Amino acid sequence: MLKKYFMSHHNLFTGHSICKKSPPSFGCQTWDNLTLIFTNLIIPLRIRSRVVMTPMPMEIFMDPEKLGINFDHIWQKTLTVLNPLKPADGSIMNETDLAGPILFCVALGATLLLAGKVQFGYIYGMSAIGCLGIYALLNLMSSSGVSYGCVASVLGYCLLPMVILSSGAVFFSLQGTIGTVLALVIIVWCSLSASKIFISALDMEGQQLLIAYPCALLYGLFALLTVF
């Protein structure tokens, strides 16, 4: 009995297995076997994980055109909005470009924040619902149809005059006769620019006033946020 006891303890400390039969799937593994498993399985997995996690080249992020951002088109659309009498290029306006609209929405919220009004939620909520309504209306009026992204792009770019109005609210109050007149001028400006772009992109000549009216209702909500 004592001999068997000392032999079993000697095998435990020296790393030799006491199993004489064929080992089961997870039984009787020596330190050499465990080291071999670690070398053959764990290390290759770590090497493969490093290969998969190789970072993307910075050239993709340094080139805005690969991300779908065309600064030339953004500048042309901005100039078209700032000048309501300038003819719109339908080929450029029919693109789904959301870089400028997101920038103008953030600028509107930032200027209202400087005026002491936290309205970011209302801006994004009214923008989404308003774009959905104008999208449904234009698809009913137009034979060619229009995408939701195009509608959001045009309405977002035409929000630029409203950003100018909200910038004025930072320096003086708009709750008066002058502020009301300025708000009405900005609403007409935004709605005429948006309707001009829509009729140019969708070939809807003679229907500008029909499109300008719902656009004026949408921009009127933004004007109420700005004035009050």
Protein backbone atom coordinates (compact mmCIF):
# COMPACT_ATOMS: atom_id res chain seq x y z
CA MET A 1 0.00 0.00 0.00
CA LEU A 2 2.76 2.44 0.89
CA LYS A 3 4.56 1.60 -2.34
CA LYS A 4 1.49 2.37 -4.41
CA TYR A 5 0.96 5.61 -2.47
CA PHE A 6 4.52 6.90 -3.08
CA MET A 7 4.43 5.81 -6.73
CA SER A 8 1.23 7.74 -7.37
CA HIS A 9 2.64 10.93 -5.78
CA HIS A 10 5.86 10.50 -7.73
CA ASN A 11 3.92 10.36 -10.99
CA LEU A 12 1.94 13.51 -10.13
CA PHE A 13 5.07 15.58 -9.49
CA THR A 14 7.02 14.29 -12.47
CA GLY A 15 4.17 14.88 -14.94
CA HIS A 16 3.80 11.22 -16.04
CA SER A 17 0.31 9.92 -16.56
CA ILE A 18 -0.89 7.05 -14.36
CA CYS A 19 -3.46 5.99 -16.94
CA LYS A 20 -2.40 2.81 -18.66
CA LYS A 21 -5.54 2.47 -20.78
CA SER A 22 -6.38 4.51 -23.87
CA PRO A 23 -7.10 8.04 -22.62
CA PRO A 24 -10.52 9.61 -23.14
CA SER A 25 -11.00 12.80 -25.15
CA PHE A 26 -10.22 15.11 -22.24
CA GLY A 27 -8.37 12.78 -19.88
CA CYS A 28 -4.78 12.22 -18.73
CA GLN A 29 -2.91 15.00 -20.50
CA THR A 30 0.71 15.67 -19.58
CA TRP A 31 2.39 19.07 -19.56
CA ASP A 32 4.08 18.23 -22.86
CA ASN A 33 0.72 17.54 -24.50
CA LEU A 34 -0.76 20.76 -23.14
CA THR A 35 2.24 22.72 -24.41
CA LEU A 36 1.85 21.14 -27.84
CA ILE A 37 -1.85 22.01 -27.95
CA PHE A 38 -1.12 25.62 -26.96
CA THR A 39 1.60 25.90 -29.61
CA ASN A 40 -0.48 24.39 -32.44
CA LEU A 41 -3.86 26.00 -31.70
CA ILE A 42 -3.69 29.12 -29.54
CA ILE A 43 -0.74 30.86 -31.21
CA PRO A 44 -2.07 30.44 -34.81
CA LEU A 45 -5.44 31.80 -33.65
CA ARG A 46 -3.75 34.88 -32.24
CA ILE A 47 -1.77 35.35 -35.44
CA ARG A 48 -4.93 35.04 -37.55
CA SER A 49 -6.75 37.53 -35.35
CA ARG A 50 -3.97 40.03 -35.88
CA VAL A 51 -4.21 39.55 -39.63
CA VAL A 52 -7.99 40.09 -39.60
CA MET A 53 -7.70 43.24 -37.48
CA THR A 54 -5.33 44.91 -39.94
CA PRO A 55 -6.42 48.58 -40.13
CA MET A 56 -7.80 50.01 -43.36
CA PRO A 57 -5.52 52.33 -45.32
CA MET A 58 -5.84 56.00 -44.45
CA GLU A 59 -6.10 56.87 -48.13
CA ILE A 60 -9.80 55.96 -48.03
CA PHE A 61 -10.45 58.52 -45.29
CA MET A 62 -8.19 61.15 -46.80
CA ASP A 63 -10.13 61.13 -50.10
CA PRO A 64 -13.67 62.57 -49.52
CA GLU A 65 -14.87 61.47 -52.96
CA LYS A 66 -14.49 57.82 -51.93
CA LEU A 67 -16.87 58.57 -49.06
CA GLY A 68 -19.40 60.13 -51.44
CA ILE A 69 -18.62 63.77 -50.52
CA ASN A 70 -18.23 66.14 -53.47
CA PHE A 71 -17.35 69.63 -52.25
CA ASP A 72 -17.88 71.13 -55.71
CA HIS A 73 -21.48 69.95 -55.82
CA ILE A 74 -22.05 71.09 -52.25
CA TRP A 75 -20.81 74.57 -53.14
CA GLN A 76 -22.99 74.72 -56.29
CA LYS A 77 -26.09 73.66 -54.36
CA THR A 78 -25.37 76.22 -51.65
CA LEU A 79 -25.08 79.02 -54.23
CA THR A 80 -28.33 77.87 -55.84
CA VAL A 81 -30.12 78.14 -52.50
CA LEU A 82 -28.63 81.53 -51.68
CA ASN A 83 -29.82 82.93 -55.04
CA PRO A 84 -33.50 81.97 -55.59
CA LEU A 85 -33.44 83.55 -59.06
CA LYS A 86 -30.54 81.40 -60.27
CA PRO A 87 -31.60 78.44 -62.45
CA ALA A 88 -30.98 75.09 -60.82
CA ASP A 89 -28.99 72.29 -62.44
CA GLY A 90 -31.30 69.29 -62.33
CA SER A 91 -28.53 66.74 -62.81
CA ILE A 92 -26.71 67.90 -59.68
CA MET A 93 -29.84 68.52 -57.61
CA ASN A 94 -31.13 65.00 -58.24
CA GLU A 95 -28.29 63.50 -56.18
CA THR A 96 -28.65 62.02 -52.72
CA ASP A 97 -26.20 64.24 -50.87
CA LEU A 98 -26.74 64.46 -47.11
CA ALA A 99 -23.44 66.02 -46.06
CA GLY A 100 -24.66 69.60 -46.51
CA PRO A 101 -28.14 69.05 -44.98
CA ILE A 102 -26.70 67.43 -41.86
CA LEU A 103 -24.23 70.31 -41.54
CA PHE A 104 -27.01 72.92 -41.84
CA CYS A 105 -29.24 71.08 -39.35
CA VAL A 106 -26.39 71.00 -36.83
CA ALA A 107 -25.66 74.67 -37.52
CA LEU A 108 -29.32 75.57 -36.92
CA GLY A 109 -29.35 73.69 -33.64
CA ALA A 110 -26.04 75.25 -32.58
CA THR A 111 -27.19 78.82 -33.28
CA LEU A 112 -30.44 78.19 -31.42
CA LEU A 113 -28.39 76.79 -28.54
CA LEU A 114 -26.36 80.00 -28.47
CA ALA A 115 -29.67 81.88 -28.25
CA GLY A 116 -30.62 79.81 -25.20
CA LYS A 117 -32.92 77.30 -26.94
CA VAL A 118 -32.23 73.57 -26.91
CA GLN A 119 -34.19 72.38 -29.95
CA PHE A 120 -32.10 69.59 -31.47
CA GLY A 121 -34.83 66.98 -31.01
CA TYR A 122 -37.51 69.16 -32.60
CA ILE A 123 -35.23 69.96 -35.56
CA TYR A 124 -34.48 66.34 -36.42
CA GLY A 125 -38.05 65.22 -35.70
CA MET A 126 -39.69 67.87 -37.88
CA SER A 127 -37.09 67.31 -40.59
CA ALA A 128 -37.83 63.59 -40.80
CA ILE A 129 -41.63 64.00 -40.76
CA GLY A 130 -41.54 66.96 -43.15
CA CYS A 131 -39.33 65.12 -45.63
CA LEU A 132 -41.70 62.15 -45.49
CA GLY A 133 -44.70 64.38 -46.25
CA ILE A 134 -43.01 66.21 -49.15
CA TYR A 135 -41.75 62.86 -50.48
CA ALA A 136 -45.30 61.47 -50.60
CA LEU A 137 -46.64 64.65 -52.20
CA LEU A 138 -43.98 64.79 -54.93
CA ASN A 139 -44.49 61.14 -55.84
CA LEU A 140 -48.18 61.86 -56.30
CA MET A 141 -47.56 64.96 -58.43
CA SER A 142 -44.58 63.76 -60.46
CA SER A 143 -44.68 61.09 -63.15
CA SER A 144 -40.99 60.18 -62.81
CA GLY A 145 -40.98 59.85 -59.02
CA VAL A 146 -38.32 60.89 -56.53
CA SER A 147 -36.33 59.18 -53.79
CA TYR A 148 -36.57 60.04 -50.09
CA GLY A 149 -32.85 60.85 -49.99
CA CYS A 150 -33.20 63.41 -52.78
CA VAL A 151 -36.10 65.12 -50.97
CA ALA A 152 -34.14 65.22 -47.72
CA SER A 153 -31.10 66.63 -49.54
CA VAL A 154 -33.02 69.47 -51.20
CA LEU A 155 -35.00 70.44 -48.10
CA GLY A 156 -31.83 70.29 -46.00
CA TYR A 157 -29.89 72.59 -48.32
CA CYS A 158 -32.78 75.05 -48.43
CA LEU A 159 -32.59 75.26 -44.64
CA LEU A 160 -29.55 77.54 -45.01
CA PRO A 161 -31.56 80.85 -44.93
CA MET A 162 -33.15 79.66 -41.69
CA VAL A 163 -29.65 79.28 -40.25
CA ILE A 164 -29.05 82.95 -41.12
CA LEU A 165 -32.25 83.90 -39.27
CA SER A 166 -31.28 81.86 -36.20
CA SER A 167 -27.84 83.50 -36.24
CA GLY A 168 -29.57 86.88 -35.97
CA ALA A 169 -31.58 85.57 -33.00
CA VAL A 170 -28.29 85.21 -31.11
CA PHE A 171 -27.71 88.99 -31.14
CA PHE A 172 -31.25 90.44 -30.94
CA SER A 173 -34.78 89.29 -30.20
CA LEU A 174 -37.04 88.39 -33.10
CA GLN A 175 -40.26 88.68 -31.10
CA GLY A 176 -41.49 91.91 -32.68
CA THR A 177 -42.53 93.48 -35.94
CA ILE A 178 -39.05 93.35 -37.42
CA GLY A 179 -38.56 89.77 -36.39
CA THR A 180 -41.92 88.74 -37.86
CA VAL A 181 -41.13 90.41 -41.17
CA LEU A 182 -37.68 88.78 -41.30
CA ALA A 183 -39.20 85.39 -40.53
CA LEU A 184 -41.74 85.76 -43.35
CA VAL A 185 -38.99 86.77 -45.79
CA ILE A 186 -36.88 83.75 -44.79
CA ILE A 187 -39.86 81.39 -45.17
CA VAL A 188 -40.54 82.69 -48.69
CA TRP A 189 -36.83 82.44 -49.50
CA CYS A 190 -36.56 78.81 -48.35
CA SER A 191 -39.78 77.68 -50.02
CA LEU A 192 -38.99 79.35 -53.37
CA SER A 193 -35.50 77.82 -53.43
CA ALA A 194 -36.82 74.34 -52.60
CA SER A 195 -39.67 74.49 -55.13
CA LYS A 196 -37.31 75.80 -57.83
CA ILE A 197 -34.96 72.85 -57.31
CA PHE A 198 -37.79 70.32 -57.27
CA ILE A 199 -39.37 71.49 -60.52
CA SER A 200 -35.93 71.53 -62.17
CA ALA A 201 -34.97 68.04 -61.01
CA LEU A 202 -38.38 66.45 -61.71
CA ASP A 203 -39.40 68.36 -64.88
CA MET A 204 -42.52 69.84 -63.26
CA GLU A 205 -42.77 73.15 -65.07
CA GLY A 206 -45.69 75.38 -64.07
CA GLN A 207 -46.16 73.73 -60.66
CA GLN A 208 -43.74 75.76 -58.55
CA LEU A 209 -46.42 77.47 -56.45
CA LEU A 210 -48.10 74.13 -55.73
CA ILE A 211 -44.82 72.77 -54.39
CA ALA A 212 -43.82 76.01 -52.65
CA TYR A 213 -46.94 76.03 -50.43
CA PRO A 214 -46.25 72.80 -48.47
CA CYS A 215 -42.57 73.73 -48.32
CA ALA A 216 -43.56 77.08 -46.78
CA LEU A 217 -45.61 75.25 -44.14
CA LEU A 218 -42.59 73.11 -43.23
CA TYR A 219 -40.18 76.04 -43.03
CA GLY A 220 -42.78 77.99 -41.08
CA LEU A 221 -42.38 75.45 -38.27
CA PHE A 222 -38.63 76.06 -38.22
CA ALA A 223 -39.29 79.81 -38.16
CA LEU A 224 -41.56 79.39 -35.13
CA LEU A 225 -38.76 77.51 -33.36
CA THR A 226 -36.35 80.31 -34.21
CA VAL A 227 -38.57 83.25 -33.24
CA PHE A 228 -40.22 81.85 -30.12
